[in-house]
Amino acid sequence: MKFKFITILCLAFALFLSACGGKNDADLQKAAETAAKAKAPTATVAVKDGVATLTGEAATEQAKTDAGTAAKVEGVKSVTNNMTVKAPTPPPMTATTDPGLKTAIESALKGKGFADVTVDTTTTPATIRGTVAKGKLAEVVQTAQAANGGKPVKNEVTEK
């Protein structure tokens, strides 16, 4: 009888240890997310039944791959990497002043009687500013575009 009791007690203890020894999804999620965030700071991880799913935005394709690899911590069965790669930011346009263009547009405008309109060629496209009489806005824009070689201009002219 004593032998049966000790055997049953040992089996119960072994089952208890095996049940407590494995990591649950919440523990896996925390570990996987910590590891993934080291590679892609906006990464988020969800774990269900030992499968980790990554979402968020990575700066590069390599950072996305690295985050997925890092999320495969001990206990995670597999990783589904649904992260997106951030679109590269276009380089800023550098403004260059074209005095010849500025003079050409200003001369064309003054020739039509639009002395209150200024031209800024440090912007792309060239910008026209000022005020004109009511009904003359279209003519100002057309004159400036024609002097700009047919290219559009940014219109900040108002009618009074």
N, C-alpha and C. Protein backbone atom coordinates (compact mmCIF):
# COMPACT_ATOMS: atom_id res chain seq x y z
N MET A 1 0.82 -1.18 0.00
CA MET A 1 0.00 0.00 0.00
C MET A 1 0.87 1.26 0.00
N LYS A 2 1.90 1.20 0.79
CA LYS A 2 2.80 2.33 0.86
C LYS A 2 3.44 2.57 -0.51
N PHE A 3 3.77 1.51 -1.24
CA PHE A 3 4.39 1.61 -2.56
C PHE A 3 3.44 2.28 -3.56
N LYS A 4 2.16 1.91 -3.55
CA LYS A 4 1.18 2.50 -4.44
C LYS A 4 1.02 4.00 -4.15
N PHE A 5 0.99 4.34 -2.90
CA PHE A 5 0.83 5.73 -2.51
C PHE A 5 2.01 6.57 -3.00
N ILE A 6 3.23 6.08 -2.84
CA ILE A 6 4.42 6.80 -3.27
C ILE A 6 4.43 6.91 -4.80
N THR A 7 4.03 5.85 -5.50
CA THR A 7 3.98 5.87 -6.96
C THR A 7 2.98 6.91 -7.45
N ILE A 8 1.80 6.90 -6.87
CA ILE A 8 0.77 7.86 -7.26
C ILE A 8 1.22 9.29 -6.95
N LEU A 9 1.84 9.48 -5.84
CA LEU A 9 2.34 10.79 -5.44
C LEU A 9 3.42 11.26 -6.43
N CYS A 10 4.32 10.38 -6.82
CA CYS A 10 5.37 10.74 -7.79
C CYS A 10 4.77 11.09 -9.15
N LEU A 11 3.78 10.32 -9.61
CA LEU A 11 3.13 10.60 -10.88
C LEU A 11 2.42 11.95 -10.84
N ALA A 12 1.73 12.22 -9.77
CA ALA A 12 1.03 13.50 -9.63
C ALA A 12 2.03 14.66 -9.63
N PHE A 13 3.13 14.48 -8.95
CA PHE A 13 4.15 15.51 -8.89
C PHE A 13 4.77 15.74 -10.28
N ALA A 14 5.03 14.65 -11.02
CA ALA A 14 5.59 14.75 -12.37
C ALA A 14 4.63 15.48 -13.30
N LEU A 15 3.34 15.16 -13.22
CA LEU A 15 2.34 15.85 -14.05
C LEU A 15 2.27 17.33 -13.70
N PHE A 16 2.33 17.63 -12.44
CA PHE A 16 2.29 19.01 -11.99
C PHE A 16 3.49 19.80 -12.55
N LEU A 17 4.68 19.20 -12.48
CA LEU A 17 5.87 19.88 -12.98
C LEU A 17 5.82 20.07 -14.50
N SER A 18 5.33 19.08 -15.23
CA SER A 18 5.27 19.22 -16.68
C SER A 18 4.26 20.28 -17.08
N ALA A 19 3.17 20.41 -16.34
CA ALA A 19 2.16 21.42 -16.65
C ALA A 19 2.68 22.81 -16.35
N CYS A 20 3.47 22.97 -15.34
CA CYS A 20 3.99 24.28 -14.95
C CYS A 20 5.24 24.67 -15.72
N GLY A 21 5.93 23.70 -16.25
CA GLY A 21 7.22 23.95 -16.87
C GLY A 21 7.13 24.66 -18.22
N GLY A 22 6.08 24.46 -19.00
CA GLY A 22 5.96 25.06 -20.33
C GLY A 22 5.54 26.51 -20.23
N LYS A 23 5.94 27.30 -21.23
CA LYS A 23 5.56 28.71 -21.25
C LYS A 23 4.19 28.84 -21.91
N ASN A 24 3.38 29.71 -21.37
CA ASN A 24 2.07 29.95 -21.99
C ASN A 24 2.20 31.03 -23.07
N ASP A 25 1.15 31.25 -23.83
CA ASP A 25 1.17 32.21 -24.93
C ASP A 25 1.53 33.62 -24.47
N ALA A 26 1.07 34.01 -23.30
CA ALA A 26 1.36 35.37 -22.80
C ALA A 26 2.87 35.53 -22.54
N ASP A 27 3.48 34.50 -21.97
CA ASP A 27 4.93 34.56 -21.73
C ASP A 27 5.70 34.58 -23.04
N LEU A 28 5.26 33.75 -23.99
CA LEU A 28 5.91 33.71 -25.30
C LEU A 28 5.76 35.06 -26.02
N GLN A 29 4.56 35.64 -25.91
CA GLN A 29 4.31 36.92 -26.57
C GLN A 29 5.26 37.99 -26.04
N LYS A 30 5.42 38.04 -24.75
CA LYS A 30 6.28 39.05 -24.13
C LYS A 30 7.73 38.87 -24.58
N ALA A 31 8.21 37.64 -24.56
CA ALA A 31 9.59 37.37 -24.95
C ALA A 31 9.81 37.65 -26.44
N ALA A 32 8.87 37.21 -27.28
CA ALA A 32 9.00 37.40 -28.72
C ALA A 32 8.93 38.88 -29.08
N GLU A 33 8.03 39.62 -28.43
CA GLU A 33 7.89 41.04 -28.74
C GLU A 33 9.14 41.81 -28.32
N THR A 34 9.69 41.48 -27.17
CA THR A 34 10.92 42.15 -26.72
C THR A 34 12.04 41.91 -27.72
N ALA A 35 12.17 40.69 -28.18
CA ALA A 35 13.23 40.35 -29.14
C ALA A 35 12.98 41.05 -30.48
N ALA A 36 11.74 41.06 -30.95
CA ALA A 36 11.43 41.66 -32.25
C ALA A 36 11.62 43.17 -32.22
N LYS A 37 11.23 43.82 -31.11
CA LYS A 37 11.36 45.28 -30.99
C LYS A 37 12.82 45.73 -31.02
N ALA A 38 13.73 44.84 -30.66
CA ALA A 38 15.15 45.18 -30.72
C ALA A 38 15.59 45.37 -32.18
N LYS A 39 14.89 44.75 -33.09
CA LYS A 39 15.22 44.83 -34.52
C LYS A 39 14.33 45.82 -35.27
N ALA A 40 13.07 45.94 -34.84
CA ALA A 40 12.11 46.86 -35.46
C ALA A 40 11.25 47.43 -34.33
N PRO A 41 11.54 48.64 -33.87
CA PRO A 41 10.89 49.21 -32.68
C PRO A 41 9.37 49.27 -32.70
N THR A 42 8.74 49.31 -33.86
CA THR A 42 7.28 49.39 -33.90
C THR A 42 6.62 48.01 -34.03
N ALA A 43 7.42 46.95 -33.94
CA ALA A 43 6.87 45.60 -34.08
C ALA A 43 5.96 45.27 -32.91
N THR A 44 4.84 44.62 -33.22
CA THR A 44 3.98 44.07 -32.19
C THR A 44 3.83 42.59 -32.48
N VAL A 45 3.66 41.81 -31.43
CA VAL A 45 3.58 40.36 -31.57
C VAL A 45 2.35 39.86 -30.85
N ALA A 46 1.63 38.97 -31.51
CA ALA A 46 0.52 38.25 -30.89
C ALA A 46 0.87 36.77 -30.98
N VAL A 47 0.61 36.02 -29.91
CA VAL A 47 0.91 34.59 -29.90
C VAL A 47 -0.36 33.82 -29.57
N LYS A 48 -0.65 32.84 -30.40
CA LYS A 48 -1.79 31.96 -30.18
C LYS A 48 -1.34 30.54 -30.45
N ASP A 49 -1.50 29.69 -29.45
CA ASP A 49 -1.10 28.29 -29.54
C ASP A 49 0.35 28.14 -29.98
N GLY A 50 1.20 29.04 -29.51
CA GLY A 50 2.63 28.95 -29.79
C GLY A 50 3.05 29.54 -31.12
N VAL A 51 2.12 30.07 -31.90
CA VAL A 51 2.44 30.68 -33.20
C VAL A 51 2.45 32.20 -33.03
N ALA A 52 3.59 32.82 -33.35
CA ALA A 52 3.75 34.27 -33.22
C ALA A 52 3.41 34.95 -34.54
N THR A 53 2.63 36.03 -34.46
CA THR A 53 2.29 36.83 -35.64
C THR A 53 2.79 38.24 -35.39
N LEU A 54 3.66 38.70 -36.30
CA LEU A 54 4.22 40.04 -36.19
C LEU A 54 3.45 41.02 -37.07
N THR A 55 3.21 42.21 -36.54
CA THR A 55 2.64 43.32 -37.29
C THR A 55 3.42 44.57 -36.95
N GLY A 56 3.19 45.62 -37.70
CA GLY A 56 3.89 46.87 -37.47
C GLY A 56 4.64 47.27 -38.72
N GLU A 57 5.51 48.25 -38.58
CA GLU A 57 6.23 48.78 -39.72
C GLU A 57 7.73 48.73 -39.45
N ALA A 58 8.47 48.19 -40.40
CA ALA A 58 9.93 48.12 -40.29
C ALA A 58 10.54 49.18 -41.21
N ALA A 59 11.68 49.68 -40.81
CA ALA A 59 12.34 50.72 -41.62
C ALA A 59 12.87 50.16 -42.93
N THR A 60 13.32 48.90 -42.91
CA THR A 60 13.88 48.27 -44.12
C THR A 60 13.40 46.83 -44.20
N GLU A 61 13.61 46.24 -45.36
CA GLU A 61 13.28 44.82 -45.55
C GLU A 61 14.13 43.96 -44.62
N GLN A 62 15.40 44.36 -44.43
CA GLN A 62 16.29 43.61 -43.55
C GLN A 62 15.80 43.67 -42.10
N ALA A 63 15.33 44.84 -41.66
CA ALA A 63 14.81 44.96 -40.29
C ALA A 63 13.58 44.09 -40.11
N LYS A 64 12.74 43.99 -41.12
CA LYS A 64 11.56 43.12 -41.07
C LYS A 64 11.98 41.66 -40.91
N THR A 65 12.94 41.24 -41.73
CA THR A 65 13.44 39.86 -41.65
C THR A 65 14.08 39.59 -40.29
N ASP A 66 14.89 40.53 -39.82
CA ASP A 66 15.56 40.36 -38.52
C ASP A 66 14.56 40.27 -37.37
N ALA A 67 13.49 41.06 -37.44
CA ALA A 67 12.47 41.02 -36.39
C ALA A 67 11.77 39.66 -36.39
N GLY A 68 11.49 39.14 -37.58
CA GLY A 68 10.86 37.82 -37.66
C GLY A 68 11.74 36.73 -37.11
N THR A 69 13.03 36.80 -37.41
CA THR A 69 13.98 35.82 -36.88
C THR A 69 14.10 35.94 -35.37
N ALA A 70 14.16 37.16 -34.88
CA ALA A 70 14.31 37.38 -33.44
C ALA A 70 13.09 36.90 -32.65
N ALA A 71 11.90 36.98 -33.27
CA ALA A 71 10.66 36.59 -32.58
C ALA A 71 10.56 35.07 -32.37
N LYS A 72 11.40 34.29 -33.01
CA LYS A 72 11.38 32.83 -32.88
C LYS A 72 12.16 32.45 -31.61
N VAL A 73 11.63 32.88 -30.48
CA VAL A 73 12.25 32.56 -29.19
C VAL A 73 11.89 31.12 -28.80
N GLU A 74 12.57 30.62 -27.80
CA GLU A 74 12.32 29.25 -27.34
C GLU A 74 10.86 29.11 -26.92
N GLY A 75 10.20 28.11 -27.48
CA GLY A 75 8.80 27.86 -27.19
C GLY A 75 7.86 28.29 -28.30
N VAL A 76 8.32 29.21 -29.17
CA VAL A 76 7.50 29.63 -30.30
C VAL A 76 7.66 28.58 -31.41
N LYS A 77 6.53 28.05 -31.87
CA LYS A 77 6.56 27.00 -32.89
C LYS A 77 6.88 27.56 -34.27
N SER A 78 6.25 28.70 -34.62
CA SER A 78 6.50 29.33 -35.92
C SER A 78 6.17 30.81 -35.83
N VAL A 79 6.63 31.55 -36.84
CA VAL A 79 6.43 33.00 -36.88
C VAL A 79 5.81 33.37 -38.23
N THR A 80 4.73 34.13 -38.17
CA THR A 80 4.13 34.72 -39.37
C THR A 80 4.47 36.20 -39.34
N ASN A 81 5.24 36.64 -40.33
CA ASN A 81 5.70 38.03 -40.34
C ASN A 81 4.83 38.86 -41.28
N ASN A 82 3.88 39.60 -40.70
CA ASN A 82 2.98 40.47 -41.47
C ASN A 82 3.39 41.93 -41.39
N MET A 83 4.65 42.19 -41.04
CA MET A 83 5.11 43.57 -40.95
C MET A 83 5.19 44.18 -42.36
N THR A 84 5.03 45.48 -42.42
CA THR A 84 5.20 46.20 -43.69
C THR A 84 6.51 46.96 -43.63
N VAL A 85 7.04 47.29 -44.80
CA VAL A 85 8.28 48.06 -44.87
C VAL A 85 7.92 49.50 -45.19
N LYS A 86 8.43 50.40 -44.38
CA LYS A 86 8.15 51.82 -44.54
C LYS A 86 8.68 52.30 -45.88
N ALA A 87 7.84 53.07 -46.58
CA ALA A 87 8.25 53.63 -47.87
C ALA A 87 9.36 54.64 -47.63
N PRO A 88 10.38 54.64 -48.47
CA PRO A 88 11.47 55.59 -48.26
C PRO A 88 10.99 57.02 -48.45
N THR A 89 11.54 57.91 -47.66
CA THR A 89 11.20 59.32 -47.75
C THR A 89 11.98 59.93 -48.92
N PRO A 90 11.29 60.59 -49.83
CA PRO A 90 12.01 61.18 -50.95
C PRO A 90 12.94 62.28 -50.46
N PRO A 91 14.06 62.43 -51.13
CA PRO A 91 14.98 63.49 -50.70
C PRO A 91 14.33 64.85 -50.89
N PRO A 92 14.65 65.78 -50.01
CA PRO A 92 14.04 67.11 -50.13
C PRO A 92 14.52 67.79 -51.41
N MET A 93 13.58 68.52 -52.01
CA MET A 93 13.93 69.26 -53.22
C MET A 93 14.70 70.51 -52.80
N THR A 94 15.76 70.74 -53.48
CA THR A 94 16.53 71.94 -53.18
C THR A 94 16.07 73.07 -54.08
N ALA A 95 15.81 74.17 -53.45
CA ALA A 95 15.34 75.33 -54.21
C ALA A 95 16.54 76.06 -54.81
N THR A 96 16.41 76.41 -56.04
CA THR A 96 17.45 77.19 -56.69
C THR A 96 16.79 78.41 -57.31
N THR A 97 17.42 79.52 -57.13
CA THR A 97 16.89 80.75 -57.69
C THR A 97 17.37 80.86 -59.13
N ASP A 98 16.42 81.14 -60.01
CA ASP A 98 16.74 81.34 -61.43
C ASP A 98 16.41 82.79 -61.76
N PRO A 99 17.42 83.68 -61.65
CA PRO A 99 17.13 85.09 -61.87
C PRO A 99 16.60 85.38 -63.27
N GLY A 100 17.06 84.62 -64.25
CA GLY A 100 16.58 84.84 -65.62
C GLY A 100 15.11 84.52 -65.74
N LEU A 101 14.68 83.44 -65.12
CA LEU A 101 13.27 83.04 -65.15
C LEU A 101 12.43 84.06 -64.40
N LYS A 102 12.91 84.47 -63.24
CA LYS A 102 12.18 85.46 -62.44
C LYS A 102 11.97 86.74 -63.25
N THR A 103 13.03 87.21 -63.91
CA THR A 103 12.94 88.42 -64.72
C THR A 103 11.99 88.24 -65.88
N ALA A 104 12.04 87.09 -66.53
CA ALA A 104 11.17 86.83 -67.69
C ALA A 104 9.70 86.85 -67.29
N ILE A 105 9.37 86.19 -66.18
CA ILE A 105 7.97 86.15 -65.75
C ILE A 105 7.51 87.53 -65.29
N GLU A 106 8.36 88.21 -64.49
CA GLU A 106 7.99 89.55 -64.02
C GLU A 106 7.79 90.51 -65.19
N SER A 107 8.67 90.44 -66.19
CA SER A 107 8.55 91.33 -67.36
C SER A 107 7.26 91.07 -68.12
N ALA A 108 6.93 89.79 -68.29
CA ALA A 108 5.69 89.44 -69.00
C ALA A 108 4.47 89.95 -68.24
N LEU A 109 4.49 89.82 -66.91
CA LEU A 109 3.36 90.28 -66.10
C LEU A 109 3.24 91.81 -66.14
N LYS A 110 4.37 92.50 -66.01
CA LYS A 110 4.34 93.96 -66.05
C LYS A 110 3.91 94.46 -67.42
N GLY A 111 4.31 93.73 -68.46
CA GLY A 111 3.91 94.10 -69.82
C GLY A 111 2.40 94.02 -70.02
N LYS A 112 1.72 93.20 -69.22
CA LYS A 112 0.26 93.08 -69.30
C LYS A 112 -0.42 93.96 -68.25
N GLY A 113 0.39 94.72 -67.48
CA GLY A 113 -0.19 95.65 -66.51
C GLY A 113 -0.39 95.05 -65.12
N PHE A 114 0.25 93.94 -64.82
CA PHE A 114 0.11 93.30 -63.50
C PHE A 114 1.32 93.62 -62.63
N ALA A 115 1.46 94.88 -62.26
CA ALA A 115 2.62 95.34 -61.49
C ALA A 115 2.58 94.89 -60.03
N ASP A 116 1.40 94.52 -59.53
CA ASP A 116 1.27 94.13 -58.13
C ASP A 116 1.51 92.63 -57.90
N VAL A 117 1.99 91.94 -58.91
CA VAL A 117 2.24 90.50 -58.78
C VAL A 117 3.75 90.27 -58.71
N THR A 118 4.18 89.52 -57.70
CA THR A 118 5.59 89.19 -57.54
C THR A 118 5.82 87.73 -57.93
N VAL A 119 7.09 87.42 -58.19
CA VAL A 119 7.46 86.08 -58.64
C VAL A 119 8.53 85.53 -57.70
N ASP A 120 8.36 84.29 -57.29
CA ASP A 120 9.33 83.60 -56.43
C ASP A 120 9.80 82.35 -57.17
N THR A 121 11.06 82.35 -57.58
CA THR A 121 11.59 81.18 -58.29
C THR A 121 12.43 80.30 -57.38
N THR A 122 12.38 80.55 -56.06
CA THR A 122 13.08 79.64 -55.14
C THR A 122 12.21 78.44 -54.81
N THR A 123 10.98 78.45 -55.31
CA THR A 123 10.07 77.33 -55.10
C THR A 123 9.94 76.54 -56.40
N THR A 124 9.51 75.32 -56.27
CA THR A 124 9.25 74.50 -57.46
C THR A 124 7.81 74.06 -57.40
N PRO A 125 6.97 74.45 -58.32
CA PRO A 125 7.24 75.37 -59.43
C PRO A 125 7.33 76.81 -58.95
N ALA A 126 7.66 77.72 -59.87
CA ALA A 126 7.72 79.14 -59.53
C ALA A 126 6.36 79.57 -58.97
N THR A 127 6.39 80.49 -58.00
CA THR A 127 5.16 80.93 -57.35
C THR A 127 4.90 82.40 -57.69
N ILE A 128 3.64 82.69 -58.00
CA ILE A 128 3.24 84.08 -58.21
C ILE A 128 2.34 84.49 -57.06
N ARG A 129 2.55 85.74 -56.57
CA ARG A 129 1.78 86.25 -55.43
C ARG A 129 1.38 87.69 -55.70
N GLY A 130 0.31 88.10 -55.07
CA GLY A 130 -0.12 89.48 -55.18
C GLY A 130 -1.61 89.58 -55.36
N THR A 131 -2.06 90.73 -55.83
CA THR A 131 -3.49 90.94 -56.06
C THR A 131 -3.70 91.51 -57.46
N VAL A 132 -4.83 91.15 -58.04
CA VAL A 132 -5.22 91.66 -59.36
C VAL A 132 -6.70 92.02 -59.32
N ALA A 133 -7.10 92.78 -60.32
CA ALA A 133 -8.52 93.17 -60.41
C ALA A 133 -9.37 91.93 -60.66
N LYS A 134 -10.61 92.01 -60.19
CA LYS A 134 -11.56 90.90 -60.37
C LYS A 134 -11.68 90.55 -61.84
N GLY A 135 -11.64 89.24 -62.14
CA GLY A 135 -11.77 88.76 -63.51
C GLY A 135 -10.44 88.65 -64.25
N LYS A 136 -9.33 89.02 -63.62
CA LYS A 136 -8.02 89.00 -64.28
C LYS A 136 -7.13 87.84 -63.82
N LEU A 137 -7.62 87.02 -62.91
CA LEU A 137 -6.79 85.96 -62.33
C LEU A 137 -6.33 84.96 -63.39
N ALA A 138 -7.21 84.51 -64.25
CA ALA A 138 -6.85 83.53 -65.28
C ALA A 138 -5.79 84.10 -66.22
N GLU A 139 -5.91 85.37 -66.56
CA GLU A 139 -4.95 86.00 -67.47
C GLU A 139 -3.57 86.08 -66.83
N VAL A 140 -3.51 86.38 -65.52
CA VAL A 140 -2.23 86.44 -64.81
C VAL A 140 -1.55 85.08 -64.84
N VAL A 141 -2.31 84.05 -64.53
CA VAL A 141 -1.75 82.70 -64.49
C VAL A 141 -1.27 82.29 -65.89
N GLN A 142 -2.06 82.54 -66.91
CA GLN A 142 -1.68 82.18 -68.28
C GLN A 142 -0.42 82.93 -68.71
N THR A 143 -0.32 84.18 -68.36
CA THR A 143 0.85 84.99 -68.72
C THR A 143 2.10 84.44 -68.03
N ALA A 144 1.98 84.12 -66.76
CA ALA A 144 3.12 83.59 -66.01
C ALA A 144 3.54 82.23 -66.55
N GLN A 145 2.59 81.37 -66.88
CA GLN A 145 2.92 80.05 -67.41
C GLN A 145 3.58 80.17 -68.79
N ALA A 146 3.08 81.06 -69.60
CA ALA A 146 3.69 81.25 -70.93
C ALA A 146 5.14 81.71 -70.79
N ALA A 147 5.40 82.65 -69.86
CA ALA A 147 6.75 83.14 -69.63
C ALA A 147 7.63 82.07 -68.97
N ASN A 148 7.01 81.08 -68.35
CA ASN A 148 7.72 79.97 -67.69
C ASN A 148 7.92 78.81 -68.66
N GLY A 149 7.82 79.08 -69.94
CA GLY A 149 8.04 78.04 -70.94
C GLY A 149 6.88 77.05 -71.02
N GLY A 150 5.69 77.49 -70.64
CA GLY A 150 4.51 76.62 -70.68
C GLY A 150 4.37 75.73 -69.46
N LYS A 151 5.31 75.82 -68.54
CA LYS A 151 5.26 75.01 -67.32
C LYS A 151 4.31 75.65 -66.32
N PRO A 152 3.69 74.83 -65.46
CA PRO A 152 2.77 75.40 -64.46
C PRO A 152 3.49 76.28 -63.44
N VAL A 153 2.75 77.19 -62.87
CA VAL A 153 3.24 78.01 -61.76
C VAL A 153 2.29 77.82 -60.60
N LYS A 154 2.79 78.02 -59.41
CA LYS A 154 1.95 77.94 -58.22
C LYS A 154 1.28 79.30 -58.06
N ASN A 155 -0.04 79.29 -58.01
CA ASN A 155 -0.81 80.53 -57.96
C ASN A 155 -1.22 80.87 -56.53
N GLU A 156 -0.70 81.99 -56.03
CA GLU A 156 -1.12 82.52 -54.74
C GLU A 156 -1.62 83.95 -54.91
N VAL A 157 -2.12 84.24 -56.10
CA VAL A 157 -2.65 85.56 -56.42
C VAL A 157 -4.12 85.60 -56.02
N THR A 158 -4.55 86.73 -55.48
CA THR A 158 -5.96 86.91 -55.12
C THR A 158 -6.56 88.05 -55.94
N GLU A 159 -7.85 87.97 -56.11
CA GLU A 159 -8.58 89.02 -56.82
C GLU A 159 -9.16 89.99 -55.81
N LYS A 160 -9.18 91.28 -56.17
CA LYS A 160 -9.81 92.27 -55.28
C LYS A 160 -10.93 92.97 -55.96
